[in-house]
């Protein structure tokens, strides 16, 4: 790799590559990350934050959720449960 392509003056022996996030599940990183996340969530070591605000259930609640979002939310996870 030409030194003009190496960001921040990194050493020439640094390999730079590109990875689509959707490909991670299919390479060596995926099982390590997703296996750990699943276990950590189950054990309570990792928690989803902020807590979700359940707006309603079913497709009929989607409009209500959109209106709630339009009024403004901050650091809020709006959820429409699918029965």
Foldseek 3Di string as FASTA:
>chain_A
DDQVPDPPRDDPPDDDDDDDPVCCCVDPNNCVVVVVVVVCPVVVVDDDPDDADEQEEDPVSPVVQVVVVVVPDDRYHYDYHYD
